[in-house]
C-alpha atoms as a PDB file:
ATOM      1  CA  UNK A   1      35.067  52.014  19.509  1.00  0.00           C
ATOM      2  CA  UNK A   2      33.233  49.151  21.155  1.00  0.00           C
ATOM      3  CA  UNK A   3      35.268  45.967  20.907  1.00  0.00           C
ATOM      4  CA  UNK A   4      38.572  47.860  20.807  1.00  0.00           C
ATOM      5  CA  UNK A   5      38.733  48.692  24.519  1.00  0.00           C
ATOM      6  CA  UNK A   6      42.398  47.711  24.908  1.00  0.00           C
ATOM      7  CA  UNK A   7      43.343  50.221  22.234  1.00  0.00           C
ATOM      8  CA  UNK A   8      41.546  53.214  23.749  1.00  0.00           C
ATOM      9  CA  UNK A   9      44.496  54.478  25.811  1.00  0.00           C
ATOM     10  CA  UNK A  10      46.786  54.302  22.775  1.00  0.00           C
ATOM     11  CA  UNK A  11      44.170  56.147  20.728  1.00  0.00           C
ATOM     12  CA  UNK A  12      43.739  58.924  23.313  1.00  0.00           C
ATOM     13  CA  UNK A  13      47.493  59.361  23.754  1.00  0.00           C
ATOM     14  CA  UNK A  14      48.422  59.345  20.049  1.00  0.00           C
ATOM     15  CA  UNK A  15      50.896  62.221  19.841  1.00  0.00           C
ATOM     16  CA  UNK A  16      50.909  62.211  16.037  1.00  0.00           C
ATOM     17  CA  UNK A  17      47.456  63.752  15.896  1.00  0.00           C
ATOM     18  CA  UNK A  18      46.632  67.462  15.741  1.00  0.00           C
ATOM     19  CA  UNK A  19      44.702  68.821  18.713  1.00  0.00           C
ATOM     20  CA  UNK A  20      41.487  66.846  18.916  1.00  0.00           C
ATOM     21  CA  UNK A  21      38.055  67.818  20.179  1.00  0.00           C
ATOM     22  CA  UNK A  22      35.772  65.870  22.488  1.00  0.00           C
ATOM     23  CA  UNK A  23      32.353  66.614  23.925  1.00  0.00           C
ATOM     24  CA  UNK A  24      31.237  66.051  27.491  1.00  0.00           C
ATOM     25  CA  UNK A  25      27.686  64.764  27.879  1.00  0.00           C
ATOM     26  CA  UNK A  26      26.104  65.228  31.322  1.00  0.00           C
ATOM     27  CA  UNK A  27      23.313  62.659  31.767  1.00  0.00           C
ATOM     28  CA  UNK A  28      21.745  64.800  34.497  1.00  0.00           C
ATOM     29  CA  UNK A  29      21.029  67.575  31.986  1.00  0.00           C
ATOM     30  CA  UNK A  30      19.576  65.669  29.010  1.00  0.00           C
ATOM     31  CA  UNK A  31      17.773  62.480  28.073  1.00  0.00           C
ATOM     32  CA  UNK A  32      19.639  59.515  26.611  1.00  0.00           C
ATOM     33  CA  UNK A  33      17.943  60.171  23.262  1.00  0.00           C
ATOM     34  CA  UNK A  34      19.072  63.802  23.193  1.00  0.00           C
ATOM     35  CA  UNK A  35      22.554  62.747  24.287  1.00  0.00           C
ATOM     36  CA  UNK A  36      22.770  60.276  21.404  1.00  0.00           C
ATOM     37  CA  UNK A  37      21.692  62.898  18.850  1.00  0.00           C
ATOM     38  CA  UNK A  38      24.248  65.376  20.161  1.00  0.00           C
ATOM     39  CA  UNK A  39      26.970  62.733  20.139  1.00  0.00           C
ATOM     40  CA  UNK A  40      26.228  61.813  16.521  1.00  0.00           C
ATOM     41  CA  UNK A  41      26.237  65.493  15.520  1.00  0.00           C
ATOM     42  CA  UNK A  42      29.577  66.018  17.270  1.00  0.00           C
ATOM     43  CA  UNK A  43      31.243  63.021  15.630  1.00  0.00           C
ATOM     44  CA  UNK A  44      29.873  64.094  12.246  1.00  0.00           C
ATOM     45  CA  UNK A  45      31.494  67.495  12.856  1.00  0.00           C
ATOM     46  CA  UNK A  46      34.868  65.931  13.651  1.00  0.00           C
ATOM     47  CA  UNK A  47      34.851  65.282  17.413  1.00  0.00           C
ATOM     48  CA  UNK A  48      37.031  62.290  18.280  1.00  0.00           C
ATOM     49  CA  UNK A  49      35.776  61.215  21.711  1.00  0.00           C
ATOM     50  CA  UNK A  50      32.581  61.298  23.776  1.00  0.00           C
ATOM     51  CA  UNK A  51      32.893  61.783  27.526  1.00  0.00           C
ATOM     52  CA  UNK A  52      29.895  60.914  29.701  1.00  0.00           C
ATOM     53  CA  UNK A  53      29.449  62.112  33.275  1.00  0.00           C
ATOM     54  CA  UNK A  54      30.688  65.101  35.140  1.00  0.00           C
ATOM     55  CA  UNK A  55      28.068  66.305  37.590  1.00  0.00           C
ATOM     56  CA  UNK A  56      26.746  65.590  41.060  1.00  0.00           C
ATOM     57  CA  UNK A  57      23.387  64.676  39.477  1.00  0.00           C
ATOM     58  CA  UNK A  58      24.650  61.526  37.778  1.00  0.00           C
ATOM     59  CA  UNK A  59      24.038  57.967  38.952  1.00  0.00           C
ATOM     60  CA  UNK A  60      24.386  54.401  37.687  1.00  0.00           C
ATOM     61  CA  UNK A  61      20.992  54.541  35.981  1.00  0.00           C
ATOM     62  CA  UNK A  62      21.210  57.746  33.960  1.00  0.00           C
ATOM     63  CA  UNK A  63      24.883  57.222  33.099  1.00  0.00           C
ATOM     64  CA  UNK A  64      24.341  53.666  31.869  1.00  0.00           C
ATOM     65  CA  UNK A  65      21.236  54.558  29.848  1.00  0.00           C
ATOM     66  CA  UNK A  66      23.083  57.453  28.238  1.00  0.00           C
ATOM     67  CA  UNK A  67      26.175  55.401  27.363  1.00  0.00           C
ATOM     68  CA  UNK A  68      24.029  52.652  25.830  1.00  0.00           C
ATOM     69  CA  UNK A  69      22.037  55.151  23.744  1.00  0.00           C
ATOM     70  CA  UNK A  70      25.228  56.767  22.414  1.00  0.00           C
ATOM     71  CA  UNK A  71      26.905  53.431  21.675  1.00  0.00           C
ATOM     72  CA  UNK A  72      23.852  52.147  19.801  1.00  0.00           C
ATOM     73  CA  UNK A  73      23.554  55.338  17.730  1.00  0.00           C
ATOM     74  CA  UNK A  74      27.226  55.307  16.757  1.00  0.00           C
ATOM     75  CA  UNK A  75      27.184  51.580  15.982  1.00  0.00           C
ATOM     76  CA  UNK A  76      24.156  52.036  13.721  1.00  0.00           C
ATOM     77  CA  UNK A  77      25.854  54.779  11.720  1.00  0.00           C
ATOM     78  CA  UNK A  78      29.124  52.820  11.612  1.00  0.00           C
ATOM     79  CA  UNK A  79      27.224  49.885  10.117  1.00  0.00           C
ATOM     80  CA  UNK A  80      25.454  52.164   7.613  1.00  0.00           C
ATOM     81  CA  UNK A  81      28.817  53.670   6.629  1.00  0.00           C
ATOM     82  CA  UNK A  82      30.217  50.200   5.999  1.00  0.00           C
ATOM     83  CA  UNK A  83      27.446  49.639   3.446  1.00  0.00           C
ATOM     84  CA  UNK A  84      28.155  52.894   1.601  1.00  0.00           C
ATOM     85  CA  UNK A  85      31.396  53.125  -0.378  1.00  0.00           C
ATOM     86  CA  UNK A  86      31.209  56.922  -0.186  1.00  0.00           C
ATOM     87  CA  UNK A  87      31.434  56.974   3.612  1.00  0.00           C
ATOM     88  CA  UNK A  88      34.348  56.067   5.893  1.00  0.00           C
ATOM     89  CA  UNK A  89      33.182  53.940   8.807  1.00  0.00           C
ATOM     90  CA  UNK A  90      36.440  54.610  10.704  1.00  0.00           C
ATOM     91  CA  UNK A  91      35.319  58.201  11.285  1.00  0.00           C
ATOM     92  CA  UNK A  92      32.479  56.917  13.448  1.00  0.00           C
ATOM     93  CA  UNK A  93      34.562  54.621  15.637  1.00  0.00           C
ATOM     94  CA  UNK A  94      35.270  56.983  18.518  1.00  0.00           C
ATOM     95  CA  UNK A  95      35.475  55.897  22.162  1.00  0.00           C
ATOM     96  CA  UNK A  96      32.686  56.550  24.637  1.00  0.00           C
ATOM     97  CA  UNK A  97      34.519  57.273  27.888  1.00  0.00           C
ATOM     98  CA  UNK A  98      33.238  57.690  31.429  1.00  0.00           C
ATOM     99  CA  UNK A  99      34.131  60.961  33.144  1.00  0.00           C
ATOM    100  CA  UNK A 100      32.659  60.096  36.547  1.00  0.00           C
ATOM    101  CA  UNK A 101      31.948  62.250  39.558  1.00  0.00           C
ATOM    102  CA  UNK A 102      32.504  59.146  41.666  1.00  0.00           C
ATOM    103  CA  UNK A 103      32.167  55.390  42.017  1.00  0.00           C
ATOM    104  CA  UNK A 104      28.345  55.567  42.012  1.00  0.00           C
ATOM    105  CA  UNK A 105      28.067  56.823  38.420  1.00  0.00           C
ATOM    106  CA  UNK A 106      29.562  54.115  36.187  1.00  0.00           C
ATOM    107  CA  UNK A 107      28.477  51.982  33.230  1.00  0.00           C
ATOM    108  CA  UNK A 108      29.766  48.625  31.945  1.00  0.00           C
ATOM    109  CA  UNK A 109      28.828  49.689  28.406  1.00  0.00           C
ATOM    110  CA  UNK A 110      31.568  52.338  28.214  1.00  0.00           C
ATOM    111  CA  UNK A 111      34.776  51.731  26.273  1.00  0.00           C
ATOM    112  CA  UNK A 112      36.968  53.306  28.930  1.00  0.00           C
ATOM    113  CA  UNK A 113      37.027  55.460  32.034  1.00  0.00           C
ATOM    114  CA  UNK A 114      39.147  58.431  33.025  1.00  0.00           C
ATOM    115  CA  UNK A 115      40.624  56.794  36.125  1.00  0.00           C
ATOM    116  CA  UNK A 116      41.749  59.984  37.761  1.00  0.00           C
ATOM    117  CA  UNK A 117      43.193  61.484  40.894  1.00  0.00           C
ATOM    118  CA  UNK A 118      42.010  65.017  41.644  1.00  0.00           C
ATOM    119  CA  UNK A 119      45.561  65.962  42.448  1.00  0.00           C
ATOM    120  CA  UNK A 120      44.916  69.322  44.097  1.00  0.00           C
ATOM    121  CA  UNK A 121      41.960  68.215  46.207  1.00  0.00           C
ATOM    122  CA  UNK A 122      42.178  68.743  49.953  1.00  0.00           C
ATOM    123  CA  UNK A 123      40.037  65.646  50.539  1.00  0.00           C
ATOM    124  CA  UNK A 124      41.232  62.030  50.507  1.00  0.00           C
ATOM    125  CA  UNK A 125      37.854  61.146  48.981  1.00  0.00           C
ATOM    126  CA  UNK A 126      38.952  62.528  45.614  1.00  0.00           C
ATOM    127  CA  UNK A 127      42.613  61.609  45.968  1.00  0.00           C
ATOM    128  CA  UNK A 128      42.082  57.869  46.508  1.00  0.00           C
ATOM    129  CA  UNK A 129      38.833  56.794  48.222  1.00  0.00           C
ATOM    130  CA  UNK A 130      36.416  57.015  45.255  1.00  0.00           C
ATOM    131  CA  UNK A 131      39.004  55.277  43.078  1.00  0.00           C
ATOM    132  CA  UNK A 132      39.291  52.385  45.522  1.00  0.00           C
ATOM    133  CA  UNK A 133      35.494  52.167  45.773  1.00  0.00           C
ATOM    134  CA  UNK A 134      35.117  51.826  41.996  1.00  0.00           C
ATOM    135  CA  UNK A 135      38.195  49.831  41.046  1.00  0.00           C
ATOM    136  CA  UNK A 136      36.784  46.314  41.308  1.00  0.00           C
ATOM    137  CA  UNK A 137      33.617  47.251  39.414  1.00  0.00           C
ATOM    138  CA  UNK A 138      35.760  48.670  36.614  1.00  0.00           C
ATOM    139  CA  UNK A 139      37.952  45.570  36.552  1.00  0.00           C
ATOM    140  CA  UNK A 140      35.043  43.135  36.516  1.00  0.00           C
ATOM    141  CA  UNK A 141      33.188  45.119  33.845  1.00  0.00           C
ATOM    142  CA  UNK A 142      36.271  45.145  31.608  1.00  0.00           C
ATOM    143  CA  UNK A 143      36.296  48.923  31.234  1.00  0.00           C
ATOM    144  CA  UNK A 144      39.710  50.216  30.145  1.00  0.00           C
ATOM    145  CA  UNK A 145      41.199  52.646  32.696  1.00  0.00           C
ATOM    146  CA  UNK A 146      42.844  55.806  31.375  1.00  0.00           C
ATOM    147  CA  UNK A 147      45.314  56.827  34.132  1.00  0.00           C
ATOM    148  CA  UNK A 148      44.816  60.561  34.599  1.00  0.00           C
ATOM    149  CA  UNK A 149      45.902  63.388  36.836  1.00  0.00           C
ATOM    150  CA  UNK A 150      43.015  65.847  37.186  1.00  0.00           C
ATOM    151  CA  UNK A 151      44.028  69.395  38.100  1.00  0.00           C
ATOM    152  CA  UNK A 152      41.434  72.103  38.762  1.00  0.00           C
ATOM    153  CA  UNK A 153      42.431  75.662  37.944  1.00  0.00           C
ATOM    154  CA  UNK A 154      40.802  78.964  38.819  1.00  0.00           C
ATOM    155  CA  UNK A 155      37.898  79.759  38.660  1.00  0.00           C
ATOM    156  CA  UNK A 156      37.129  76.073  39.293  1.00  0.00           C
ATOM    157  CA  UNK A 157      33.346  76.262  39.326  1.00  0.00           C
ATOM    158  CA  UNK A 158      31.263  73.419  40.711  1.00  0.00           C
ATOM    159  CA  UNK A 159      34.066  70.904  40.105  1.00  0.00           C
ATOM    160  CA  UNK A 160      36.422  72.870  42.315  1.00  0.00           C
ATOM    161  CA  UNK A 161      33.789  73.344  44.996  1.00  0.00           C
ATOM    162  CA  UNK A 162      32.617  69.733  45.136  1.00  0.00           C
ATOM    163  CA  UNK A 163      36.165  68.400  44.771  1.00  0.00           C
ATOM    164  CA  UNK A 164      37.455  70.686  47.537  1.00  0.00           C
ATOM    165  CA  UNK A 165      40.275  71.781  45.248  1.00  0.00           C
ATOM    166  CA  UNK A 166      43.071  74.128  46.193  1.00  0.00           C
ATOM    167  CA  UNK A 167      42.710  75.976  42.895  1.00  0.00           C
ATOM    168  CA  UNK A 168      45.750  76.775  40.776  1.00  0.00           C
ATOM    169  CA  UNK A 169      45.753  80.467  39.933  1.00  0.00           C
ATOM    170  CA  UNK A 170      46.434  81.785  36.395  1.00  0.00           C
ATOM    171  CA  UNK A 171      49.966  82.980  37.171  1.00  0.00           C
ATOM    172  CA  UNK A 172      51.036  80.020  39.313  1.00  0.00           C
ATOM    173  CA  UNK A 173      53.159  78.416  36.594  1.00  0.00           C
ATOM    174  CA  UNK A 174      55.708  76.860  38.964  1.00  0.00           C
ATOM    175  CA  UNK A 175      52.983  75.036  40.845  1.00  0.00           C
ATOM    176  CA  UNK A 176      51.467  73.762  37.606  1.00  0.00           C
ATOM    177  CA  UNK A 177      54.880  72.578  36.423  1.00  0.00           C
ATOM    178  CA  UNK A 178      55.298  70.679  39.681  1.00  0.00           C
ATOM    179  CA  UNK A 179      51.881  69.036  39.387  1.00  0.00           C
ATOM    180  CA  UNK A 180      52.527  68.017  35.769  1.00  0.00           C
ATOM    181  CA  UNK A 181      55.902  66.563  36.718  1.00  0.00           C
ATOM    182  CA  UNK A 182      54.355  64.731  39.667  1.00  0.00           C
ATOM    183  CA  UNK A 183      51.674  63.257  37.394  1.00  0.00           C
ATOM    184  CA  UNK A 184      54.371  61.947  35.076  1.00  0.00           C
ATOM    185  CA  UNK A 185      56.371  60.511  37.980  1.00  0.00           C
ATOM    186  CA  UNK A 186      53.241  58.742  39.257  1.00  0.00           C
ATOM    187  CA  UNK A 187      52.892  57.026  35.899  1.00  0.00           C
ATOM    188  CA  UNK A 188      49.757  58.783  34.721  1.00  0.00           C
ATOM    189  CA  UNK A 189      49.399  58.970  30.940  1.00  0.00           C
ATOM    190  CA  UNK A 190      47.117  61.996  30.786  1.00  0.00           C
ATOM    191  CA  UNK A 191      46.589  65.234  32.693  1.00  0.00           C
ATOM    192  CA  UNK A 192      43.350  67.162  32.538  1.00  0.00           C
ATOM    193  CA  UNK A 193      43.482  70.909  33.236  1.00  0.00           C
ATOM    194  CA  UNK A 194      39.977  71.947  34.293  1.00  0.00           C
ATOM    195  CA  UNK A 195      38.634  75.487  34.704  1.00  0.00           C
ATOM    196  CA  UNK A 196      35.184  74.235  35.735  1.00  0.00           C
ATOM    197  CA  UNK A 197      31.972  73.612  33.837  1.00  0.00           C
ATOM    198  CA  UNK A 198      30.531  76.875  32.568  1.00  0.00           C
ATOM    199  CA  UNK A 199      33.560  78.814  33.809  1.00  0.00           C
ATOM    200  CA  UNK A 200      33.659  82.504  32.908  1.00  0.00           C
ATOM    201  CA  UNK A 201      37.262  82.101  31.814  1.00  0.00           C
ATOM    202  CA  UNK A 202      39.278  79.129  30.503  1.00  0.00           C
ATOM    203  CA  UNK A 203      42.486  77.684  31.883  1.00  0.00           C
ATOM    204  CA  UNK A 204      45.249  80.280  31.606  1.00  0.00           C
ATOM    205  CA  UNK A 205      47.474  79.829  28.532  1.00  0.00           C
ATOM    206  CA  UNK A 206      50.475  80.205  30.833  1.00  0.00           C
ATOM    207  CA  UNK A 207      49.373  77.174  32.837  1.00  0.00           C
ATOM    208  CA  UNK A 208      48.909  75.056  29.711  1.00  0.00           C
ATOM    209  CA  UNK A 209      52.395  76.057  28.536  1.00  0.00           C
ATOM    210  CA  UNK A 210      53.877  75.237  31.937  1.00  0.00           C
ATOM    211  CA  UNK A 211      52.329  71.782  31.859  1.00  0.00           C
ATOM    212  CA  UNK A 212      53.468  71.177  28.281  1.00  0.00           C
ATOM    213  CA  UNK A 213      57.052  72.185  29.037  1.00  0.00           C
ATOM    214  CA  UNK A 214      57.184  70.039  32.190  1.00  0.00           C
ATOM    215  CA  UNK A 215      55.947  66.647  31.030  1.00  0.00           C
ATOM    216  CA  UNK A 216      55.437  64.350  28.053  1.00  0.00           C
ATOM    217  CA  UNK A 217      51.872  63.443  29.007  1.00  0.00           C
ATOM    218  CA  UNK A 218      48.751  63.879  26.915  1.00  0.00           C
ATOM    219  CA  UNK A 219      47.219  67.213  27.949  1.00  0.00           C
ATOM    220  CA  UNK A 220      43.442  67.663  28.040  1.00  0.00           C
ATOM    221  CA  UNK A 221      41.978  71.135  28.614  1.00  0.00           C
ATOM    222  CA  UNK A 222      38.365  71.926  29.444  1.00  0.00           C
ATOM    223  CA  UNK A 223      36.088  74.493  31.029  1.00  0.00           C
ATOM    224  CA  UNK A 224      35.174  77.953  29.750  1.00  0.00           C
ATOM    225  CA  UNK A 225      36.010  77.202  26.100  1.00  0.00           C
ATOM    226  CA  UNK A 226      33.094  78.409  24.001  1.00  0.00           C
ATOM    227  CA  UNK A 227      34.596  79.163  20.597  1.00  0.00           C
ATOM    228  CA  UNK A 228      37.250  77.995  18.177  1.00  0.00           C
ATOM    229  CA  UNK A 229      39.475  81.001  18.790  1.00  0.00           C
ATOM    230  CA  UNK A 230      39.784  80.162  22.487  1.00  0.00           C
ATOM    231  CA  UNK A 231      40.350  76.524  21.615  1.00  0.00           C
ATOM    232  CA  UNK A 232      43.147  77.522  19.223  1.00  0.00           C
ATOM    233  CA  UNK A 233      44.925  79.371  22.034  1.00  0.00           C
ATOM    234  CA  UNK A 234      44.814  76.183  24.119  1.00  0.00           C
ATOM    235  CA  UNK A 235      46.012  74.169  21.123  1.00  0.00           C
ATOM    236  CA  UNK A 236      48.889  76.539  20.414  1.00  0.00           C
ATOM    237  CA  UNK A 237      49.955  76.311  24.061  1.00  0.00           C
ATOM    238  CA  UNK A 238      50.192  72.533  23.934  1.00  0.00           C
ATOM    239  CA  UNK A 239      46.742  71.019  24.505  1.00  0.00           C
ATOM    240  CA  UNK A 240      46.301  67.624  22.849  1.00  0.00           C
ATOM    241  CA  UNK A 241      42.557  67.581  23.514  1.00  0.00           C
ATOM    242  CA  UNK A 242      40.010  70.355  24.010  1.00  0.00           C
ATOM    243  CA  UNK A 243      36.741  69.476  25.744  1.00  0.00           C
ATOM    244  CA  UNK A 244      33.438  71.335  25.476  1.00  0.00           C
ATOM    245  CA  UNK A 245      30.332  70.592  27.507  1.00  0.00           C
ATOM    246  CA  UNK A 246      28.050  73.580  27.960  1.00  0.00           C
ATOM    247  CA  UNK A 247      28.514  74.589  24.321  1.00  0.00           C
ATOM    248  CA  UNK A 248      27.126  71.247  23.199  1.00  0.00           C
ATOM    249  CA  UNK A 249      24.080  71.609  25.445  1.00  0.00           C
ATOM    250  CA  UNK A 250      23.299  75.035  23.969  1.00  0.00           C
ATOM    251  CA  UNK A 251      21.858  73.545  20.775  1.00  0.00           C
ATOM    252  CA  UNK A 252      18.714  71.437  20.576  1.00  0.00           C
ATOM    253  CA  UNK A 253      18.915  71.212  16.792  1.00  0.00           C
ATOM    254  CA  UNK A 254      21.459  68.525  15.852  1.00  0.00           C
ATOM    255  CA  UNK A 255      22.204  70.010  12.424  1.00  0.00           C
ATOM    256  CA  UNK A 256      22.967  73.398  13.954  1.00  0.00           C
ATOM    257  CA  UNK A 257      25.188  71.782  16.591  1.00  0.00           C
ATOM    258  CA  UNK A 258      27.081  69.938  13.857  1.00  0.00           C
ATOM    259  CA  UNK A 259      27.701  73.184  11.950  1.00  0.00           C
ATOM    260  CA  UNK A 260      28.851  75.020  15.087  1.00  0.00           C
ATOM    261  CA  UNK A 261      31.229  72.251  16.144  1.00  0.00           C
ATOM    262  CA  UNK A 262      32.598  71.829  12.630  1.00  0.00           C
ATOM    263  CA  UNK A 263      33.455  75.528  12.555  1.00  0.00           C
ATOM    264  CA  UNK A 264      34.850  75.297  16.099  1.00  0.00           C
ATOM    265  CA  UNK A 265      37.222  72.455  15.155  1.00  0.00           C
ATOM    266  CA  UNK A 266      38.335  74.165  11.920  1.00  0.00           C
ATOM    267  CA  UNK A 267      39.238  77.329  13.830  1.00  0.00           C
ATOM    268  CA  UNK A 268      40.941  75.356  16.612  1.00  0.00           C
ATOM    269  CA  UNK A 269      43.357  73.809  14.136  1.00  0.00           C
ATOM    270  CA  UNK A 270      43.385  76.701  11.654  1.00  0.00           C
END
């Protein structure tokens, strides 16, 4: 979606769409070339956004190289699609969005950034300090901010540990409702309910429902979702986006990844 940066927020928050799938690429776990192949396979399968970032092993160098590799691969296929009347180039125009662990892992080549507050962190670093540290870079680079409330739920994983989160437990629906309402009152456009990368269980359906019933924000759910059936539960409870990360990294063969994700997305919206 390079060149359409101002439209990225509208695209992400389009409420007329069915639940959409996005992949999370961690530059610390794969080369830029592998990242690009996985991104192309995901978009071919029906994924509608590529997130880049997410771990404590990311930095300006590996994030930027990864974003550039993905952008170039998608642009090449978009161009090829425009030359073939049997292909729809619009299907390849998906945003490449930063999902940063902090202000030291950014890239000017990204279409947008999840500009987020880790709302249930016990540290001011993740409530406001990293955001302040990165804000001028983002502004000068012309990266579109996606205002987001980030809420880490049990089990939380590495994200909860590093972010010093006061985890929301599966049955704590009133607390989730309050966080979702607070996010809306703050003016955020999106909330992300995170169970943690590689979590042994996803965000509780009850928590997703509580968020959906409490706000009119775009709801993103990630962590511990490994199959289409689990994704469908999240979708049925009100998720607008479902994110997978570890699942994507499980396949070195791009064709196999495309088949798995295609089946995943069909089941999610089945």
